[in-house]
Amino acid sequence: MKTHAIAGTLALVLLLPIAGCNHSGQSDAQQAITEVDKQTSPAMISSEIHKAMEQAKRELATKDIDIDHIHVGHGEHRDSGSLPKAAITPQGDLLIDGKTVKATPEQHTLLLDYRQQVVGIAEAGMDIGEQGANLGTHAAKEAIWGALTGKSDKEIEAGIKPRAEQIKIAAMKLCQRLPGLLGSQQKLAAVMPEFRPYATMTQKDVDDCGRDEK
């Protein structure tokens, strides 16, 4: 992860309002540190990020899940060509071009399982995204503090690295969930011909996930 580049960019943005402000008799460095603490309050920023992620999760749980495209492996986006739009409802119905496809009880069960696999991975991805956003804030603060206290780039990066490693580990765990998604997709495709054209995930997607991080 290019945390140092992120830190530098955010540091510049956060420092702009600080320039030229010194109305309390503090030194420029002290005033800057005070403003940095205000603008990069981990509790405040983390709270806002968490609220946004929780809202996204609620919507994910209550809305139809589109299945005419998927994101797998290294973030590859694979469309299902010119096929009609398809989705799975929270009730386990398959919609193709807005119309409900008749399904047996077994198919409903497999549709719900596949949907839950997709939702579970998406929620885990959101959690990683939340960690990444919080890391960006932390990196920005570390960069500003480093600039004010004379830390070297290596010292700043060393302060960020533990959190970055945690995100990397979480991403690898996310890859471990892909076999379950693939298995669920294959079972559904085997018993529901209407779903089969949308079953575009392959074993290669599972094998490639996280390969660059190893």
Protein backbone atom coordinates (compact mmCIF):
# COMPACT_ATOMS: atom_id res chain seq x y z
CA MET A 1 0.00 0.00 0.00
CA LYS A 2 1.30 3.43 -0.87
CA THR A 3 0.61 4.83 2.57
CA HIS A 4 3.32 7.46 2.38
CA ALA A 5 1.80 8.97 -0.77
CA ILE A 6 -1.65 8.99 0.86
CA ALA A 7 -0.22 10.61 3.93
CA GLY A 8 1.49 13.33 1.95
CA THR A 9 -1.63 14.23 0.01
CA LEU A 10 -3.91 14.33 3.03
CA ALA A 11 -1.33 16.20 5.03
CA LEU A 12 -1.27 18.97 2.44
CA VAL A 13 -5.07 19.25 2.47
CA LEU A 14 -5.22 19.33 6.22
CA LEU A 15 -2.47 21.90 6.56
CA LEU A 16 -4.01 24.43 4.18
CA PRO A 17 -6.51 25.87 6.70
CA ILE A 18 -3.69 26.14 9.24
CA ALA A 19 -1.47 28.47 7.20
CA GLY A 20 -1.25 31.96 8.61
CA CYS A 21 -3.37 31.22 11.71
CA ASN A 22 -1.85 32.12 15.04
CA HIS A 23 -4.20 34.08 17.24
CA SER A 24 -3.52 32.49 20.64
CA GLY A 25 0.09 33.46 21.14
CA GLN A 26 1.25 29.91 20.45
CA SER A 27 4.22 29.20 18.24
CA ASP A 28 3.46 28.23 14.65
CA ALA A 29 4.32 24.60 15.43
CA GLN A 30 2.13 24.50 18.52
CA GLN A 31 -0.78 26.11 16.67
CA ALA A 32 -0.39 23.65 13.80
CA ILE A 33 -0.33 20.69 16.18
CA THR A 34 -3.50 21.96 17.88
CA GLU A 35 -5.28 22.30 14.53
CA VAL A 36 -4.09 18.88 13.39
CA ASP A 37 -5.55 17.30 16.54
CA LYS A 38 -8.88 19.01 15.89
CA GLN A 39 -9.11 18.12 12.21
CA THR A 40 -7.86 14.55 12.45
CA SER A 41 -9.61 13.44 15.63
CA PRO A 42 -9.60 9.64 15.20
CA ALA A 43 -12.79 9.26 17.21
CA MET A 44 -14.73 11.80 15.15
CA ILE A 45 -13.54 10.65 11.75
CA SER A 46 -13.84 6.95 12.59
CA SER A 47 -17.38 7.52 13.83
CA GLU A 48 -18.44 9.15 10.56
CA ILE A 49 -16.81 6.43 8.48
CA HIS A 50 -18.45 3.74 10.61
CA LYS A 51 -21.89 5.33 10.23
CA ALA A 52 -21.51 5.38 6.44
CA MET A 53 -20.42 1.74 6.34
CA GLU A 54 -23.25 0.61 8.60
CA GLN A 55 -25.76 2.41 6.37
CA ALA A 56 -24.29 0.67 3.32
CA LYS A 57 -24.59 -2.70 5.07
CA ARG A 58 -28.24 -2.06 5.91
CA GLU A 59 -28.96 -1.24 2.29
CA LEU A 60 -27.10 -4.35 1.17
CA ALA A 61 -29.24 -6.53 3.42
CA THR A 62 -32.56 -5.06 2.31
CA LYS A 63 -32.09 -4.43 -1.41
CA ASP A 64 -31.78 -6.64 -4.48
CA ILE A 65 -28.25 -7.86 -5.24
CA ASP A 66 -27.23 -7.39 -8.87
CA ILE A 67 -25.56 -10.48 -10.31
CA ASP A 68 -24.99 -9.38 -13.92
CA HIS A 69 -21.49 -8.28 -12.94
CA ILE A 70 -19.01 -9.44 -10.32
CA HIS A 71 -15.73 -8.22 -8.83
CA VAL A 72 -13.24 -10.96 -8.14
CA GLY A 73 -9.57 -11.72 -7.81
CA HIS A 74 -7.46 -8.59 -8.28
CA GLY A 75 -10.56 -6.42 -8.46
CA GLU A 76 -11.32 -7.48 -12.02
CA HIS A 77 -14.73 -6.37 -13.27
CA ARG A 78 -16.39 -8.97 -15.44
CA ASP A 79 -19.67 -8.12 -17.14
CA SER A 80 -22.00 -10.82 -18.38
CA GLY A 81 -22.11 -9.35 -21.85
CA SER A 82 -25.45 -8.41 -23.36
CA LEU A 83 -27.50 -10.49 -20.93
CA PRO A 84 -30.52 -8.84 -19.32
CA LYS A 85 -30.08 -7.29 -15.90
CA ALA A 86 -30.35 -9.92 -13.16
CA ALA A 87 -30.66 -9.73 -9.39
CA ILE A 88 -31.49 -11.79 -6.31
CA THR A 89 -34.01 -10.34 -3.87
CA PRO A 90 -33.74 -10.56 -0.06
CA GLN A 91 -36.51 -13.17 -0.26
CA GLY A 92 -34.43 -15.39 -2.54
CA ASP A 93 -36.17 -14.68 -5.84
CA LEU A 94 -34.18 -14.47 -9.06
CA LEU A 95 -35.15 -11.46 -11.17
CA ILE A 96 -34.17 -11.33 -14.82
CA ASP A 97 -35.05 -8.18 -16.72
CA GLY A 98 -37.29 -7.24 -13.79
CA LYS A 99 -39.33 -10.44 -13.95
CA THR A 100 -39.37 -13.13 -11.26
CA VAL A 101 -38.08 -16.49 -12.44
CA LYS A 102 -40.15 -19.40 -11.15
CA ALA A 103 -38.07 -21.44 -8.71
CA THR A 104 -38.41 -24.67 -6.76
CA PRO A 105 -37.86 -24.76 -2.99
CA GLU A 106 -34.37 -26.20 -3.60
CA GLN A 107 -33.53 -23.38 -6.00
CA HIS A 108 -34.81 -20.78 -3.53
CA THR A 109 -32.55 -22.24 -0.85
CA LEU A 110 -29.53 -22.11 -3.15
CA LEU A 111 -30.39 -18.58 -4.29
CA LEU A 112 -30.50 -17.43 -0.68
CA ASP A 113 -27.21 -19.17 0.07
CA TYR A 114 -25.52 -17.57 -2.93
CA ARG A 115 -26.91 -14.17 -2.02
CA GLN A 116 -25.66 -14.55 1.56
CA GLN A 117 -22.21 -15.50 0.28
CA VAL A 118 -22.12 -12.34 -1.84
CA VAL A 119 -23.40 -10.16 1.00
CA GLY A 120 -20.94 -11.66 3.48
CA ILE A 121 -17.97 -10.95 1.22
CA ALA A 122 -19.24 -7.46 0.44
CA GLU A 123 -19.62 -6.68 4.15
CA ALA A 124 -16.14 -7.98 4.87
CA GLY A 125 -14.86 -5.79 2.05
CA MET A 126 -16.59 -2.79 3.61
CA ASP A 127 -14.88 -3.53 6.92
CA ILE A 128 -11.53 -3.55 5.14
CA GLY A 129 -12.46 -0.31 3.40
CA GLU A 130 -13.27 1.25 6.78
CA GLN A 131 -9.89 0.17 8.11
CA GLY A 132 -8.23 1.64 5.03
CA ALA A 133 -10.01 4.97 5.44
CA ASN A 134 -8.98 5.13 9.09
CA LEU A 135 -5.43 4.29 8.08
CA GLY A 136 -5.46 7.21 5.64
CA THR A 137 -6.43 9.58 8.45
CA HIS A 138 -3.79 8.10 10.73
CA ALA A 139 -1.18 8.35 7.97
CA ALA A 140 -2.02 12.00 7.36
CA LYS A 141 -1.66 12.80 11.02
CA GLU A 142 1.62 10.92 11.25
CA ALA A 143 2.95 12.83 8.24
CA ILE A 144 2.02 16.20 9.72
CA TRP A 145 3.42 15.37 13.12
CA GLY A 146 6.54 14.04 11.45
CA ALA A 147 7.00 17.25 9.47
CA LEU A 148 6.61 19.33 12.64
CA THR A 149 8.88 17.21 14.80
CA GLY A 150 11.56 16.41 12.25
CA LYS A 151 10.86 12.71 11.81
CA SER A 152 12.36 10.98 8.80
CA ASP A 153 10.25 9.33 6.11
CA LYS A 154 11.33 5.93 7.41
CA GLU A 155 10.19 6.79 10.94
CA ILE A 156 6.82 7.98 9.65
CA GLU A 157 6.32 4.85 7.55
CA ALA A 158 7.34 2.68 10.51
CA GLY A 159 4.52 4.23 12.52
CA ILE A 160 2.00 3.43 9.80
CA LYS A 161 3.21 -0.05 8.87
CA PRO A 162 1.54 -2.06 11.70
CA ARG A 163 -1.92 -0.86 10.69
CA ALA A 164 -1.20 -1.45 7.03
CA GLU A 165 -0.16 -5.01 7.85
CA GLN A 166 -3.45 -5.59 9.68
CA ILE A 167 -5.36 -4.54 6.57
CA LYS A 168 -3.23 -6.82 4.43
CA ILE A 169 -4.04 -9.76 6.70
CA ALA A 170 -7.76 -8.94 6.57
CA ALA A 171 -7.62 -8.84 2.77
CA MET A 172 -6.01 -12.27 2.67
CA LYS A 173 -8.76 -13.63 4.94
CA LEU A 174 -11.29 -12.21 2.49
CA CYS A 175 -9.70 -14.29 -0.25
CA GLN A 176 -10.28 -17.37 1.88
CA ARG A 177 -14.03 -16.82 1.53
CA LEU A 178 -14.01 -17.07 -2.26
CA PRO A 179 -14.07 -20.89 -2.45
CA GLY A 180 -17.39 -20.83 -0.60
CA LEU A 181 -18.78 -18.29 -3.05
CA LEU A 182 -17.60 -20.33 -6.03
CA GLY A 183 -19.05 -23.53 -4.60
CA SER A 184 -22.40 -21.86 -3.96
CA GLN A 185 -22.44 -20.44 -7.48
CA GLN A 186 -21.69 -23.81 -9.04
CA LYS A 187 -24.42 -25.57 -7.08
CA LEU A 188 -26.98 -22.98 -8.11
CA ALA A 189 -25.89 -23.02 -11.75
CA ALA A 190 -26.22 -26.81 -11.83
CA VAL A 191 -29.92 -26.76 -10.91
CA MET A 192 -31.10 -23.43 -12.34
CA PRO A 193 -30.47 -22.92 -16.08
CA GLU A 194 -31.69 -19.31 -15.95
CA PHE A 195 -28.91 -18.43 -13.50
CA ARG A 196 -26.18 -20.30 -15.35
CA PRO A 197 -25.18 -17.50 -17.79
CA TYR A 198 -24.49 -15.24 -14.81
CA ALA A 199 -22.22 -17.77 -13.09
CA THR A 200 -18.99 -16.23 -14.40
CA MET A 201 -16.68 -16.75 -11.44
CA THR A 202 -13.98 -19.38 -11.99
CA GLN A 203 -11.37 -21.29 -10.00
CA LYS A 204 -8.74 -18.95 -11.44
CA ASP A 205 -10.40 -16.07 -9.61
CA VAL A 206 -9.97 -17.97 -6.35
CA ASP A 207 -6.38 -18.88 -7.12
CA ASP A 208 -5.41 -15.35 -8.15
CA CYS A 209 -6.93 -13.58 -5.16
CA GLY A 210 -4.18 -12.09 -3.00
CA ARG A 211 -1.40 -13.55 -5.10
CA ASP A 212 0.44 -10.22 -5.24
CA GLU A 213 0.34 -9.95 -1.45
CA LYS A 214 2.14 -13.24 -0.81
